[in-house]
Amino acid sequence: MGDEDLLRAATAVRQGTTRLARRLRIERPETSQTALELGILAHLHRRGPMTPGALAAAERVQPQSLTRTLASLERQHLAVRQPDDQDHRRSLLAITDAGRQALATDMRQRDAWLAGAMARQLTRAEQELLRIAGGLLDRLADDDARELHDPGGLSAHRTENPPGS
């Protein structure tokens, strides 16, 4: 795929995921948890216990910004602090059973809406394609490259042979 094709594909993916994310936020049930709290619970559910600093990095916020949010999750018994077995000077946050339940409740309504929309709008083959794309999007979301402007970044994706050769 040439650079221009790759940029067009990236634009299409960004636009589609942005619109879908907006719609999924609209479909979010009324809960007492904020989007940031749910994001933290999702990280803890996926990755296991994490330090407050690692959670802040995962959410792309300053650690100080999470102080109230983490305290709120602990007050609600959705997360709990536990000692770090590797470094006893620091603590880890872990999701509780109640936190897993709150996260599942949040996702259930949005997943139901999305499944219904997929059933109404897409063929079976398209549904399967989106299932595969979901895994690919997860991989992209976990990419830790932080270069804001990378004029040569696309060159890493270029093939040995230029397009058309």
N, C-alpha and C. Protein backbone atom coordinates (compact mmCIF):
# COMPACT_ATOMS: atom_id res chain seq x y z
N MET A 1 0.86 -1.17 0.00
CA MET A 1 0.00 0.00 0.00
C MET A 1 0.90 1.23 0.00
N GLY A 2 0.66 2.14 -0.91
CA GLY A 2 1.45 3.37 -0.99
C GLY A 2 1.12 4.32 0.15
N ASP A 3 1.97 5.33 0.32
CA ASP A 3 1.77 6.30 1.40
C ASP A 3 0.42 7.00 1.33
N GLU A 4 0.02 7.42 0.13
CA GLU A 4 -1.27 8.11 -0.02
C GLU A 4 -2.43 7.17 0.31
N ASP A 5 -2.35 5.93 -0.14
CA ASP A 5 -3.40 4.95 0.18
C ASP A 5 -3.45 4.69 1.68
N LEU A 6 -2.28 4.59 2.30
CA LEU A 6 -2.22 4.36 3.75
C LEU A 6 -2.83 5.54 4.51
N LEU A 7 -2.55 6.76 4.06
CA LEU A 7 -3.14 7.94 4.71
C LEU A 7 -4.65 7.97 4.52
N ARG A 8 -5.15 7.61 3.34
CA ARG A 8 -6.60 7.56 3.12
C ARG A 8 -7.23 6.50 4.02
N ALA A 9 -6.58 5.35 4.14
CA ALA A 9 -7.10 4.29 5.01
C ALA A 9 -7.11 4.76 6.47
N ALA A 10 -6.04 5.42 6.89
CA ALA A 10 -5.97 5.92 8.26
C ALA A 10 -7.08 6.95 8.52
N THR A 11 -7.32 7.82 7.56
CA THR A 11 -8.39 8.82 7.69
C THR A 11 -9.75 8.15 7.82
N ALA A 12 -10.01 7.15 6.99
CA ALA A 12 -11.30 6.45 7.05
C ALA A 12 -11.48 5.75 8.39
N VAL A 13 -10.42 5.11 8.89
CA VAL A 13 -10.50 4.43 10.19
C VAL A 13 -10.74 5.44 11.30
N ARG A 14 -9.99 6.54 11.28
CA ARG A 14 -10.16 7.57 12.31
C ARG A 14 -11.57 8.13 12.31
N GLN A 15 -12.08 8.46 11.14
CA GLN A 15 -13.42 9.04 11.06
C GLN A 15 -14.47 8.04 11.54
N GLY A 16 -14.35 6.81 11.10
CA GLY A 16 -15.33 5.79 11.50
C GLY A 16 -15.28 5.50 12.99
N THR A 17 -14.08 5.37 13.54
CA THR A 17 -13.99 5.07 14.97
C THR A 17 -14.41 6.26 15.82
N THR A 18 -14.12 7.47 15.36
CA THR A 18 -14.54 8.66 16.11
C THR A 18 -16.07 8.75 16.17
N ARG A 19 -16.71 8.55 15.03
CA ARG A 19 -18.19 8.60 15.00
C ARG A 19 -18.79 7.48 15.84
N LEU A 20 -18.22 6.28 15.72
CA LEU A 20 -18.74 5.15 16.50
C LEU A 20 -18.51 5.38 17.99
N ALA A 21 -17.36 5.89 18.37
CA ALA A 21 -17.08 6.16 19.79
C ALA A 21 -18.08 7.18 20.35
N ARG A 22 -18.37 8.20 19.55
CA ARG A 22 -19.34 9.22 19.97
C ARG A 22 -20.71 8.58 20.19
N ARG A 23 -21.12 7.72 19.25
CA ARG A 23 -22.42 7.06 19.38
C ARG A 23 -22.45 6.11 20.58
N LEU A 24 -21.35 5.40 20.81
CA LEU A 24 -21.31 4.50 21.97
C LEU A 24 -21.36 5.28 23.29
N ARG A 25 -20.79 6.48 23.31
CA ARG A 25 -20.92 7.32 24.52
C ARG A 25 -22.38 7.70 24.74
N ILE A 26 -23.10 7.98 23.66
CA ILE A 26 -24.52 8.32 23.77
C ILE A 26 -25.31 7.13 24.31
N GLU A 27 -24.91 5.93 23.92
CA GLU A 27 -25.61 4.72 24.35
C GLU A 27 -25.24 4.27 25.76
N ARG A 28 -24.28 4.96 26.39
CA ARG A 28 -23.84 4.60 27.74
C ARG A 28 -25.01 4.78 28.72
N PRO A 29 -25.24 3.78 29.57
CA PRO A 29 -26.33 3.91 30.54
C PRO A 29 -25.99 4.98 31.58
N GLU A 30 -27.02 5.51 32.18
CA GLU A 30 -26.82 6.47 33.26
C GLU A 30 -26.28 5.70 34.46
N THR A 31 -25.03 6.00 34.83
CA THR A 31 -24.42 5.34 35.99
C THR A 31 -23.80 6.40 36.88
N SER A 32 -23.35 5.95 38.01
CA SER A 32 -22.70 6.90 38.91
C SER A 32 -21.22 7.03 38.59
N GLN A 33 -20.70 6.20 37.66
CA GLN A 33 -19.29 6.27 37.32
C GLN A 33 -19.07 7.24 36.15
N THR A 34 -17.96 7.96 36.24
CA THR A 34 -17.58 8.86 35.15
C THR A 34 -16.88 8.05 34.06
N ALA A 35 -16.70 8.66 32.91
CA ALA A 35 -15.99 8.00 31.82
C ALA A 35 -14.56 7.66 32.23
N LEU A 36 -13.91 8.56 32.98
CA LEU A 36 -12.54 8.30 33.44
C LEU A 36 -12.52 7.12 34.41
N GLU A 37 -13.47 7.07 35.33
CA GLU A 37 -13.53 5.93 36.26
C GLU A 37 -13.71 4.62 35.50
N LEU A 38 -14.60 4.62 34.52
CA LEU A 38 -14.83 3.41 33.73
C LEU A 38 -13.59 3.04 32.91
N GLY A 39 -12.89 4.05 32.40
CA GLY A 39 -11.65 3.78 31.68
C GLY A 39 -10.60 3.13 32.56
N ILE A 40 -10.48 3.61 33.79
CA ILE A 40 -9.52 3.04 34.73
C ILE A 40 -9.92 1.61 35.08
N LEU A 41 -11.20 1.39 35.34
CA LEU A 41 -11.67 0.03 35.62
C LEU A 41 -11.37 -0.90 34.45
N ALA A 42 -11.55 -0.40 33.23
CA ALA A 42 -11.27 -1.22 32.05
C ALA A 42 -9.79 -1.59 31.97
N HIS A 43 -8.91 -0.62 32.26
CA HIS A 43 -7.47 -0.92 32.27
C HIS A 43 -7.15 -1.98 33.32
N LEU A 44 -7.70 -1.81 34.52
CA LEU A 44 -7.42 -2.77 35.60
C LEU A 44 -7.97 -4.16 35.25
N HIS A 45 -9.11 -4.19 34.59
CA HIS A 45 -9.71 -5.46 34.20
C HIS A 45 -8.85 -6.17 33.15
N ARG A 46 -8.38 -5.40 32.16
CA ARG A 46 -7.59 -5.96 31.06
C ARG A 46 -6.17 -6.32 31.47
N ARG A 47 -5.54 -5.44 32.24
CA ARG A 47 -4.11 -5.58 32.51
C ARG A 47 -3.76 -6.08 33.90
N GLY A 48 -4.76 -6.13 34.79
CA GLY A 48 -4.46 -6.53 36.16
C GLY A 48 -4.03 -5.33 36.98
N PRO A 49 -3.61 -5.58 38.24
CA PRO A 49 -3.23 -4.48 39.13
C PRO A 49 -2.14 -3.60 38.51
N MET A 50 -2.31 -2.29 38.73
CA MET A 50 -1.38 -1.30 38.16
C MET A 50 -1.09 -0.22 39.19
N THR A 51 0.05 0.41 39.05
CA THR A 51 0.38 1.56 39.90
C THR A 51 -0.44 2.76 39.43
N PRO A 52 -0.65 3.73 40.33
CA PRO A 52 -1.34 4.96 39.88
C PRO A 52 -0.61 5.63 38.71
N GLY A 53 0.73 5.60 38.71
CA GLY A 53 1.48 6.20 37.62
C GLY A 53 1.23 5.49 36.29
N ALA A 54 1.17 4.17 36.32
CA ALA A 54 0.91 3.41 35.09
C ALA A 54 -0.51 3.67 34.60
N LEU A 55 -1.45 3.81 35.53
CA LEU A 55 -2.83 4.13 35.14
C LEU A 55 -2.89 5.51 34.49
N ALA A 56 -2.18 6.46 35.07
CA ALA A 56 -2.16 7.82 34.52
C ALA A 56 -1.57 7.79 33.10
N ALA A 57 -0.50 7.05 32.92
CA ALA A 57 0.11 6.95 31.59
C ALA A 57 -0.86 6.29 30.61
N ALA A 58 -1.56 5.26 31.05
CA ALA A 58 -2.51 4.57 30.18
C ALA A 58 -3.66 5.49 29.77
N GLU A 59 -4.07 6.37 30.67
CA GLU A 59 -5.16 7.31 30.39
C GLU A 59 -4.66 8.62 29.80
N ARG A 60 -3.34 8.75 29.66
CA ARG A 60 -2.72 9.95 29.10
C ARG A 60 -3.07 11.21 29.91
N VAL A 61 -2.97 11.07 31.24
CA VAL A 61 -3.19 12.21 32.14
C VAL A 61 -2.05 12.26 33.14
N GLN A 62 -1.93 13.37 33.84
CA GLN A 62 -0.93 13.51 34.89
C GLN A 62 -1.37 12.70 36.11
N PRO A 63 -0.44 12.05 36.81
CA PRO A 63 -0.82 11.25 38.00
C PRO A 63 -1.65 12.05 39.01
N GLN A 64 -1.34 13.34 39.18
CA GLN A 64 -2.08 14.16 40.13
C GLN A 64 -3.55 14.28 39.74
N SER A 65 -3.82 14.18 38.44
CA SER A 65 -5.19 14.30 37.95
C SER A 65 -6.05 13.11 38.36
N LEU A 66 -5.42 12.00 38.73
CA LEU A 66 -6.18 10.80 39.08
C LEU A 66 -6.47 10.67 40.57
N THR A 67 -5.90 11.53 41.38
CA THR A 67 -6.03 11.38 42.83
C THR A 67 -7.48 11.25 43.27
N ARG A 68 -8.32 12.19 42.86
CA ARG A 68 -9.74 12.15 43.24
C ARG A 68 -10.46 10.95 42.63
N THR A 69 -10.14 10.65 41.38
CA THR A 69 -10.80 9.55 40.69
C THR A 69 -10.48 8.22 41.37
N LEU A 70 -9.21 8.01 41.70
CA LEU A 70 -8.83 6.76 42.37
C LEU A 70 -9.46 6.67 43.75
N ALA A 71 -9.50 7.79 44.47
CA ALA A 71 -10.15 7.80 45.78
C ALA A 71 -11.64 7.48 45.65
N SER A 72 -12.27 8.01 44.62
CA SER A 72 -13.70 7.73 44.38
C SER A 72 -13.92 6.25 44.10
N LEU A 73 -13.07 5.65 43.27
CA LEU A 73 -13.21 4.21 42.98
C LEU A 73 -13.04 3.37 44.24
N GLU A 74 -12.12 3.79 45.11
CA GLU A 74 -11.93 3.07 46.38
C GLU A 74 -13.13 3.25 47.30
N ARG A 75 -13.65 4.47 47.39
CA ARG A 75 -14.83 4.73 48.23
C ARG A 75 -16.03 3.91 47.78
N GLN A 76 -16.16 3.73 46.46
CA GLN A 76 -17.27 2.96 45.91
C GLN A 76 -17.00 1.45 45.96
N HIS A 77 -15.82 1.07 46.45
CA HIS A 77 -15.40 -0.34 46.52
C HIS A 77 -15.31 -0.98 45.14
N LEU A 78 -14.97 -0.16 44.14
CA LEU A 78 -14.80 -0.67 42.78
C LEU A 78 -13.35 -1.02 42.49
N ALA A 79 -12.45 -0.44 43.29
CA ALA A 79 -11.01 -0.73 43.19
C ALA A 79 -10.45 -0.71 44.61
N VAL A 80 -9.36 -1.41 44.76
CA VAL A 80 -8.72 -1.51 46.08
C VAL A 80 -7.21 -1.40 45.89
N ARG A 81 -6.57 -0.75 46.88
CA ARG A 81 -5.10 -0.67 46.87
C ARG A 81 -4.55 -1.92 47.54
N GLN A 82 -3.45 -2.41 46.97
CA GLN A 82 -2.78 -3.55 47.57
C GLN A 82 -1.28 -3.33 47.46
N PRO A 83 -0.50 -3.91 48.37
CA PRO A 83 0.95 -3.71 48.29
C PRO A 83 1.53 -4.36 47.03
N ASP A 84 2.58 -3.73 46.52
CA ASP A 84 3.29 -4.28 45.36
C ASP A 84 4.30 -5.29 45.90
N ASP A 85 4.18 -6.54 45.48
CA ASP A 85 5.09 -7.59 45.95
C ASP A 85 6.53 -7.34 45.53
N GLN A 86 6.73 -6.65 44.40
CA GLN A 86 8.07 -6.38 43.89
C GLN A 86 8.73 -5.19 44.58
N ASP A 87 7.93 -4.20 44.96
CA ASP A 87 8.45 -2.98 45.58
C ASP A 87 7.48 -2.57 46.68
N HIS A 88 7.82 -2.87 47.91
CA HIS A 88 6.91 -2.64 49.04
C HIS A 88 6.69 -1.17 49.36
N ARG A 89 7.44 -0.27 48.69
CA ARG A 89 7.24 1.16 48.92
C ARG A 89 6.05 1.70 48.16
N ARG A 90 5.57 0.96 47.17
CA ARG A 90 4.46 1.47 46.37
C ARG A 90 3.28 0.50 46.43
N SER A 91 2.13 1.05 46.02
CA SER A 91 0.91 0.23 46.02
C SER A 91 0.39 0.08 44.60
N LEU A 92 -0.41 -0.93 44.44
CA LEU A 92 -1.07 -1.20 43.17
C LEU A 92 -2.56 -1.05 43.35
N LEU A 93 -3.24 -0.64 42.31
CA LEU A 93 -4.69 -0.64 42.33
C LEU A 93 -5.18 -1.87 41.60
N ALA A 94 -6.19 -2.50 42.15
CA ALA A 94 -6.78 -3.69 41.53
C ALA A 94 -8.28 -3.51 41.48
N ILE A 95 -8.90 -4.07 40.46
CA ILE A 95 -10.35 -4.01 40.33
C ILE A 95 -10.97 -5.03 41.29
N THR A 96 -12.09 -4.68 41.86
CA THR A 96 -12.82 -5.60 42.75
C THR A 96 -13.93 -6.29 41.95
N ASP A 97 -14.60 -7.23 42.60
CA ASP A 97 -15.75 -7.87 41.95
C ASP A 97 -16.83 -6.83 41.63
N ALA A 98 -17.03 -5.89 42.57
CA ALA A 98 -18.01 -4.83 42.32
C ALA A 98 -17.58 -3.96 41.14
N GLY A 99 -16.28 -3.72 40.99
CA GLY A 99 -15.78 -2.96 39.85
C GLY A 99 -16.00 -3.69 38.54
N ARG A 100 -15.79 -5.01 38.55
CA ARG A 100 -16.05 -5.80 37.34
C ARG A 100 -17.53 -5.75 36.98
N GLN A 101 -18.38 -5.80 38.00
CA GLN A 101 -19.83 -5.74 37.75
C GLN A 101 -20.24 -4.37 37.19
N ALA A 102 -19.68 -3.30 37.74
CA ALA A 102 -19.98 -1.95 37.24
C ALA A 102 -19.53 -1.81 35.79
N LEU A 103 -18.37 -2.36 35.48
CA LEU A 103 -17.86 -2.31 34.11
C LEU A 103 -18.75 -3.12 33.17
N ALA A 104 -19.15 -4.30 33.60
CA ALA A 104 -20.02 -5.16 32.78
C ALA A 104 -21.36 -4.48 32.53
N THR A 105 -21.91 -3.85 33.54
CA THR A 105 -23.19 -3.14 33.40
C THR A 105 -23.05 -2.02 32.38
N ASP A 106 -21.94 -1.29 32.45
CA ASP A 106 -21.71 -0.19 31.51
C ASP A 106 -21.62 -0.71 30.08
N MET A 107 -20.94 -1.81 29.90
CA MET A 107 -20.73 -2.33 28.53
C MET A 107 -21.96 -3.03 27.97
N ARG A 108 -22.76 -3.63 28.82
CA ARG A 108 -23.89 -4.44 28.36
C ARG A 108 -24.83 -3.68 27.43
N GLN A 109 -25.26 -2.50 27.81
CA GLN A 109 -26.21 -1.72 27.01
C GLN A 109 -25.58 -1.29 25.69
N ARG A 110 -24.33 -0.84 25.74
CA ARG A 110 -23.68 -0.40 24.51
C ARG A 110 -23.42 -1.57 23.57
N ASP A 111 -23.02 -2.71 24.13
CA ASP A 111 -22.82 -3.90 23.29
C ASP A 111 -24.12 -4.34 22.65
N ALA A 112 -25.22 -4.25 23.39
CA ALA A 112 -26.53 -4.64 22.84
C ALA A 112 -26.92 -3.71 21.70
N TRP A 113 -26.71 -2.40 21.87
CA TRP A 113 -27.03 -1.47 20.79
C TRP A 113 -26.17 -1.79 19.56
N LEU A 114 -24.86 -1.99 19.77
CA LEU A 114 -23.96 -2.23 18.65
C LEU A 114 -24.30 -3.54 17.94
N ALA A 115 -24.61 -4.58 18.69
CA ALA A 115 -24.99 -5.86 18.07
C ALA A 115 -26.26 -5.68 17.23
N GLY A 116 -27.21 -4.93 17.74
CA GLY A 116 -28.44 -4.67 16.99
C GLY A 116 -28.18 -3.88 15.72
N ALA A 117 -27.34 -2.86 15.82
CA ALA A 117 -27.01 -2.05 14.64
C ALA A 117 -26.27 -2.90 13.61
N MET A 118 -25.38 -3.75 14.06
CA MET A 118 -24.66 -4.62 13.14
C MET A 118 -25.61 -5.59 12.46
N ALA A 119 -26.56 -6.13 13.22
CA ALA A 119 -27.53 -7.07 12.64
C ALA A 119 -28.41 -6.37 11.60
N ARG A 120 -28.78 -5.11 11.88
CA ARG A 120 -29.65 -4.38 10.95
C ARG A 120 -28.92 -3.89 9.72
N GLN A 121 -27.67 -3.49 9.86
CA GLN A 121 -26.96 -2.77 8.79
C GLN A 121 -25.97 -3.62 7.98
N LEU A 122 -25.51 -4.73 8.55
CA LEU A 122 -24.39 -5.44 7.93
C LEU A 122 -24.73 -6.89 7.58
N THR A 123 -24.07 -7.38 6.55
CA THR A 123 -24.20 -8.79 6.20
C THR A 123 -23.37 -9.61 7.20
N ARG A 124 -23.54 -10.91 7.18
CA ARG A 124 -22.74 -11.79 8.06
C ARG A 124 -21.25 -11.62 7.78
N ALA A 125 -20.89 -11.53 6.51
CA ALA A 125 -19.48 -11.35 6.15
C ALA A 125 -18.95 -10.02 6.69
N GLU A 126 -19.74 -8.97 6.60
CA GLU A 126 -19.32 -7.67 7.13
C GLU A 126 -19.21 -7.71 8.65
N GLN A 127 -20.13 -8.42 9.31
CA GLN A 127 -20.05 -8.57 10.76
C GLN A 127 -18.75 -9.27 11.15
N GLU A 128 -18.38 -10.31 10.44
CA GLU A 128 -17.13 -11.03 10.72
C GLU A 128 -15.93 -10.15 10.45
N LEU A 129 -16.00 -9.36 9.39
CA LEU A 129 -14.92 -8.44 9.08
C LEU A 129 -14.73 -7.43 10.22
N LEU A 130 -15.83 -6.93 10.77
CA LEU A 130 -15.72 -6.00 11.89
C LEU A 130 -15.17 -6.68 13.14
N ARG A 131 -15.52 -7.95 13.35
CA ARG A 131 -14.97 -8.68 14.50
C ARG A 131 -13.45 -8.74 14.38
N ILE A 132 -12.96 -9.05 13.20
CA ILE A 132 -11.52 -9.10 12.97
C ILE A 132 -10.92 -7.70 13.12
N ALA A 133 -11.59 -6.70 12.56
CA ALA A 133 -11.10 -5.32 12.65
C ALA A 133 -11.03 -4.86 14.11
N GLY A 134 -11.95 -5.32 14.95
CA GLY A 134 -11.91 -4.96 16.36
C GLY A 134 -10.60 -5.38 17.01
N GLY A 135 -10.14 -6.58 16.71
CA GLY A 135 -8.85 -7.03 17.23
C GLY A 135 -7.70 -6.20 16.70
N LEU A 136 -7.77 -5.85 15.43
CA LEU A 136 -6.73 -5.00 14.85
C LEU A 136 -6.72 -3.62 15.48
N LEU A 137 -7.91 -3.06 15.73
CA LEU A 137 -7.99 -1.74 16.37
C LEU A 137 -7.42 -1.79 17.79
N ASP A 138 -7.65 -2.89 18.50
CA ASP A 138 -7.04 -3.04 19.83
C ASP A 138 -5.52 -3.00 19.73
N ARG A 139 -4.98 -3.70 18.75
CA ARG A 139 -3.53 -3.69 18.57
C ARG A 139 -3.03 -2.27 18.30
N LEU A 140 -3.74 -1.54 17.45
CA LEU A 140 -3.34 -0.17 17.17
C LEU A 140 -3.42 0.70 18.41
N ALA A 141 -4.46 0.51 19.21
CA ALA A 141 -4.64 1.32 20.42
C ALA A 141 -3.53 1.06 21.43
N ASP A 142 -2.93 -0.12 21.39
CA ASP A 142 -1.85 -0.44 22.32
C ASP A 142 -0.48 -0.02 21.83
N ASP A 143 -0.41 0.57 20.62
CA ASP A 143 0.87 1.00 20.08
C ASP A 143 1.40 2.14 20.94
N ASP A 144 2.61 1.99 21.43
CA ASP A 144 3.17 2.98 22.34
C ASP A 144 4.02 4.05 21.66
N ALA A 145 4.09 4.04 20.34
CA ALA A 145 4.84 5.10 19.66
C ALA A 145 4.17 6.43 19.94
N ARG A 146 4.95 7.40 20.36
CA ARG A 146 4.38 8.68 20.77
C ARG A 146 4.84 9.83 19.89
N GLU A 147 5.34 9.54 18.72
CA GLU A 147 5.80 10.62 17.84
C GLU A 147 4.61 11.39 17.31
N LEU A 148 4.59 12.68 17.59
CA LEU A 148 3.48 13.52 17.14
C LEU A 148 3.56 13.80 15.65
N HIS A 149 4.75 14.14 15.20
CA HIS A 149 4.94 14.43 13.78
C HIS A 149 6.09 13.55 13.32
N ASP A 150 5.83 12.74 12.35
CA ASP A 150 6.84 11.81 11.89
C ASP A 150 6.88 11.82 10.37
N PRO A 151 7.55 12.83 9.84
CA PRO A 151 7.58 12.90 8.39
C PRO A 151 8.15 11.63 7.77
N GLY A 152 9.09 11.00 8.45
CA GLY A 152 9.67 9.77 7.92
C GLY A 152 8.97 8.53 8.43
N GLY A 153 7.96 8.70 9.26
CA GLY A 153 7.29 7.55 9.87
C GLY A 153 6.65 6.63 8.86
N LEU A 154 6.08 7.21 7.84
CA LEU A 154 5.45 6.38 6.82
C LEU A 154 6.50 5.61 6.03
N SER A 155 7.73 6.13 6.01
CA SER A 155 8.75 5.43 5.24
C SER A 155 9.05 4.07 5.84
N ALA A 156 8.80 3.91 7.12
CA ALA A 156 9.02 2.60 7.75
C ALA A 156 8.05 1.57 7.19
N HIS A 157 6.94 2.03 6.62
CA HIS A 157 5.93 1.13 6.08
C HIS A 157 6.11 0.90 4.58
N ARG A 158 7.05 1.63 3.98
CA ARG A 158 7.26 1.48 2.55
C ARG A 158 7.89 0.13 2.26
N THR A 159 7.59 -0.39 1.13
CA THR A 159 8.18 -1.64 0.71
C THR A 159 9.49 -1.38 -0.01
N GLU A 160 10.24 -2.43 -0.20
CA GLU A 160 11.50 -2.31 -0.93
C GLU A 160 11.25 -1.80 -2.34
N ASN A 161 10.17 -2.24 -2.95
CA ASN A 161 9.86 -1.83 -4.30
C ASN A 161 8.80 -0.74 -4.29
N PRO A 162 9.03 0.37 -4.96
CA PRO A 162 8.03 1.43 -4.98
C PRO A 162 6.76 0.95 -5.69
N PRO A 163 5.61 1.58 -5.38
CA PRO A 163 4.35 1.21 -6.03
C PRO A 163 4.51 1.24 -7.54
N GLY A 164 3.91 0.26 -8.17
CA GLY A 164 3.90 0.23 -9.61
C GLY A 164 5.11 -0.45 -10.21
N SER A 165 6.07 -0.92 -9.37
CA SER A 165 7.25 -1.58 -9.95
C SER A 165 7.07 -3.07 -10.03
